[in-house]
Amino acid sequence: MEKEGEWYIGYCPEIPGANGQGRTIEECKKNLAEAVSLILEDRREDALRGVPADAQRATITIS
């Protein structure tokens, strides 16, 4: 995260386009996490288009 004036700007280099900003570090982190979540959900939806209905699916949690 970087401080620019009164704002904190956060980036996620592993996910191009994922960034967040806030007047506090916590607000910046929250907004960045939301951006990452939205981008990953969008990519997931794109990836599932055209997948056969009978394909096996599993959820894997990464912590």
N, C-alpha and C. Protein backbone atom coordinates (compact mmCIF):
# COMPACT_ATOMS: atom_id res chain seq x y z
N MET A 1 0.83 -1.17 0.00
CA MET A 1 0.00 0.00 0.00
C MET A 1 0.88 1.24 0.00
N GLU A 2 0.35 2.25 -0.62
CA GLU A 2 1.06 3.53 -0.68
C GLU A 2 0.14 4.62 -0.16
N LYS A 3 0.71 5.64 0.41
CA LYS A 3 -0.09 6.79 0.83
C LYS A 3 0.11 7.90 -0.19
N GLU A 4 -1.00 8.37 -0.74
CA GLU A 4 -0.97 9.47 -1.69
C GLU A 4 -1.89 10.56 -1.16
N GLY A 5 -1.29 11.60 -0.62
CA GLY A 5 -2.10 12.65 -0.01
C GLY A 5 -2.82 12.09 1.21
N GLU A 6 -4.15 12.20 1.21
CA GLU A 6 -4.94 11.69 2.33
C GLU A 6 -5.47 10.29 2.08
N TRP A 7 -5.06 9.66 0.99
CA TRP A 7 -5.58 8.35 0.61
C TRP A 7 -4.50 7.28 0.66
N TYR A 8 -4.91 6.07 1.00
CA TYR A 8 -4.06 4.89 0.88
C TYR A 8 -4.51 4.15 -0.38
N ILE A 9 -3.56 3.73 -1.19
CA ILE A 9 -3.84 3.00 -2.42
C ILE A 9 -3.19 1.63 -2.29
N GLY A 10 -3.97 0.58 -2.52
CA GLY A 10 -3.45 -0.78 -2.43
C GLY A 10 -3.60 -1.52 -3.75
N TYR A 11 -2.65 -2.38 -4.05
CA TYR A 11 -2.64 -3.15 -5.29
C TYR A 11 -2.40 -4.62 -4.97
N CYS A 12 -2.86 -5.48 -5.85
CA CYS A 12 -2.57 -6.90 -5.75
C CYS A 12 -1.86 -7.30 -7.04
N PRO A 13 -0.52 -7.35 -7.04
CA PRO A 13 0.23 -7.60 -8.27
C PRO A 13 -0.11 -8.94 -8.93
N GLU A 14 -0.56 -9.92 -8.14
CA GLU A 14 -0.89 -11.23 -8.71
C GLU A 14 -2.20 -11.21 -9.49
N ILE A 15 -3.02 -10.19 -9.27
CA ILE A 15 -4.31 -10.10 -9.96
C ILE A 15 -4.39 -8.73 -10.63
N PRO A 16 -4.00 -8.66 -11.90
CA PRO A 16 -4.03 -7.38 -12.61
C PRO A 16 -5.41 -6.72 -12.53
N GLY A 17 -5.42 -5.44 -12.25
CA GLY A 17 -6.66 -4.69 -12.15
C GLY A 17 -7.24 -4.63 -10.75
N ALA A 18 -6.70 -5.43 -9.83
CA ALA A 18 -7.21 -5.42 -8.46
C ALA A 18 -6.51 -4.33 -7.67
N ASN A 19 -7.28 -3.34 -7.30
CA ASN A 19 -6.74 -2.26 -6.48
C ASN A 19 -7.86 -1.72 -5.60
N GLY A 20 -7.46 -1.05 -4.56
CA GLY A 20 -8.43 -0.46 -3.64
C GLY A 20 -7.84 0.80 -3.05
N GLN A 21 -8.72 1.62 -2.54
CA GLN A 21 -8.25 2.84 -1.91
C GLN A 21 -9.13 3.14 -0.70
N GLY A 22 -8.61 3.94 0.18
CA GLY A 22 -9.37 4.33 1.36
C GLY A 22 -8.63 5.41 2.13
N ARG A 23 -9.37 6.08 2.96
CA ARG A 23 -8.75 7.14 3.77
C ARG A 23 -7.97 6.56 4.95
N THR A 24 -8.25 5.28 5.28
CA THR A 24 -7.49 4.59 6.32
C THR A 24 -6.93 3.30 5.71
N ILE A 25 -5.95 2.72 6.39
CA ILE A 25 -5.38 1.46 5.91
C ILE A 25 -6.45 0.37 5.92
N GLU A 26 -7.26 0.33 6.97
CA GLU A 26 -8.31 -0.70 7.06
C GLU A 26 -9.32 -0.56 5.93
N GLU A 27 -9.72 0.66 5.62
CA GLU A 27 -10.67 0.89 4.52
C GLU A 27 -10.05 0.47 3.19
N CYS A 28 -8.78 0.77 3.02
CA CYS A 28 -8.07 0.38 1.80
C CYS A 28 -8.03 -1.14 1.67
N LYS A 29 -7.68 -1.83 2.76
CA LYS A 29 -7.64 -3.30 2.74
C LYS A 29 -9.01 -3.88 2.42
N LYS A 30 -10.06 -3.34 3.02
CA LYS A 30 -11.42 -3.82 2.78
C LYS A 30 -11.79 -3.64 1.31
N ASN A 31 -11.50 -2.48 0.76
CA ASN A 31 -11.84 -2.22 -0.64
C ASN A 31 -11.01 -3.07 -1.59
N LEU A 32 -9.75 -3.31 -1.25
CA LEU A 32 -8.90 -4.17 -2.08
C LEU A 32 -9.42 -5.61 -2.04
N ALA A 33 -9.78 -6.09 -0.86
CA ALA A 33 -10.32 -7.45 -0.75
C ALA A 33 -11.60 -7.60 -1.57
N GLU A 34 -12.44 -6.59 -1.56
CA GLU A 34 -13.68 -6.62 -2.35
C GLU A 34 -13.36 -6.65 -3.84
N ALA A 35 -12.38 -5.87 -4.27
CA ALA A 35 -11.99 -5.86 -5.68
C ALA A 35 -11.46 -7.23 -6.10
N VAL A 36 -10.61 -7.84 -5.28
CA VAL A 36 -10.08 -9.17 -5.58
C VAL A 36 -11.22 -10.18 -5.69
N SER A 37 -12.15 -10.13 -4.74
CA SER A 37 -13.28 -11.05 -4.75
C SER A 37 -14.12 -10.89 -6.01
N LEU A 38 -14.42 -9.67 -6.41
CA LEU A 38 -15.22 -9.42 -7.60
C LEU A 38 -14.52 -9.91 -8.87
N ILE A 39 -13.23 -9.66 -8.96
CA ILE A 39 -12.48 -10.10 -10.14
C ILE A 39 -12.44 -11.62 -10.22
N LEU A 40 -12.18 -12.28 -9.09
CA LEU A 40 -12.12 -13.74 -9.10
C LEU A 40 -13.49 -14.35 -9.42
N GLU A 41 -14.56 -13.77 -8.90
CA GLU A 41 -15.91 -14.27 -9.20
C GLU A 41 -16.20 -14.10 -10.69
N ASP A 42 -15.83 -12.97 -11.25
CA ASP A 42 -16.04 -12.73 -12.68
C ASP A 42 -15.25 -13.74 -13.52
N ARG A 43 -14.01 -13.99 -13.13
CA ARG A 43 -13.19 -14.97 -13.85
C ARG A 43 -13.78 -16.37 -13.72
N ARG A 44 -14.31 -16.69 -12.55
CA ARG A 44 -14.94 -18.00 -12.34
C ARG A 44 -16.14 -18.16 -13.27
N GLU A 45 -16.98 -17.14 -13.33
CA GLU A 45 -18.16 -17.19 -14.20
C GLU A 45 -17.74 -17.36 -15.66
N ASP A 46 -16.71 -16.63 -16.08
CA ASP A 46 -16.20 -16.77 -17.45
C ASP A 46 -15.71 -18.19 -17.70
N ALA A 47 -15.01 -18.76 -16.73
CA ALA A 47 -14.44 -20.10 -16.90
C ALA A 47 -15.52 -21.18 -16.97
N LEU A 48 -16.64 -20.96 -16.28
CA LEU A 48 -17.69 -21.98 -16.25
C LEU A 48 -18.61 -21.95 -17.47
N ARG A 49 -18.56 -20.90 -18.24
CA ARG A 49 -19.39 -20.85 -19.45
C ARG A 49 -18.93 -21.95 -20.39
N GLY A 50 -19.85 -22.73 -20.84
CA GLY A 50 -19.53 -23.79 -21.78
C GLY A 50 -19.12 -25.10 -21.14
N VAL A 51 -19.06 -25.14 -19.81
CA VAL A 51 -18.72 -26.40 -19.13
C VAL A 51 -19.95 -27.30 -19.18
N PRO A 52 -19.80 -28.54 -19.59
CA PRO A 52 -20.95 -29.44 -19.67
C PRO A 52 -21.67 -29.57 -18.32
N ALA A 53 -22.99 -29.70 -18.37
CA ALA A 53 -23.80 -29.79 -17.16
C ALA A 53 -23.42 -31.00 -16.30
N ASP A 54 -22.92 -32.07 -16.92
CA ASP A 54 -22.59 -33.27 -16.15
C ASP A 54 -21.13 -33.30 -15.68
N ALA A 55 -20.42 -32.21 -15.85
CA ALA A 55 -19.02 -32.15 -15.39
C ALA A 55 -19.00 -32.21 -13.87
N GLN A 56 -18.00 -32.88 -13.32
CA GLN A 56 -17.85 -32.95 -11.87
C GLN A 56 -17.21 -31.67 -11.37
N ARG A 57 -17.76 -31.14 -10.29
CA ARG A 57 -17.24 -29.91 -9.71
C ARG A 57 -16.91 -30.14 -8.25
N ALA A 58 -15.88 -29.46 -7.78
CA ALA A 58 -15.49 -29.53 -6.38
C ALA A 58 -15.02 -28.16 -5.94
N THR A 59 -15.21 -27.86 -4.69
CA THR A 59 -14.75 -26.60 -4.12
C THR A 59 -13.48 -26.86 -3.33
N ILE A 60 -12.46 -26.06 -3.59
CA ILE A 60 -11.19 -26.16 -2.88
C ILE A 60 -10.98 -24.84 -2.16
N THR A 61 -10.71 -24.89 -0.87
CA THR A 61 -10.49 -23.68 -0.09
C THR A 61 -9.00 -23.49 0.13
N ILE A 62 -8.53 -22.29 -0.17
CA ILE A 62 -7.13 -21.94 0.04
C ILE A 62 -7.09 -20.91 1.15
N SER A 63 -6.28 -21.15 2.15
CA SER A 63 -6.22 -20.19 3.26
C SER A 63 -4.84 -19.61 3.39
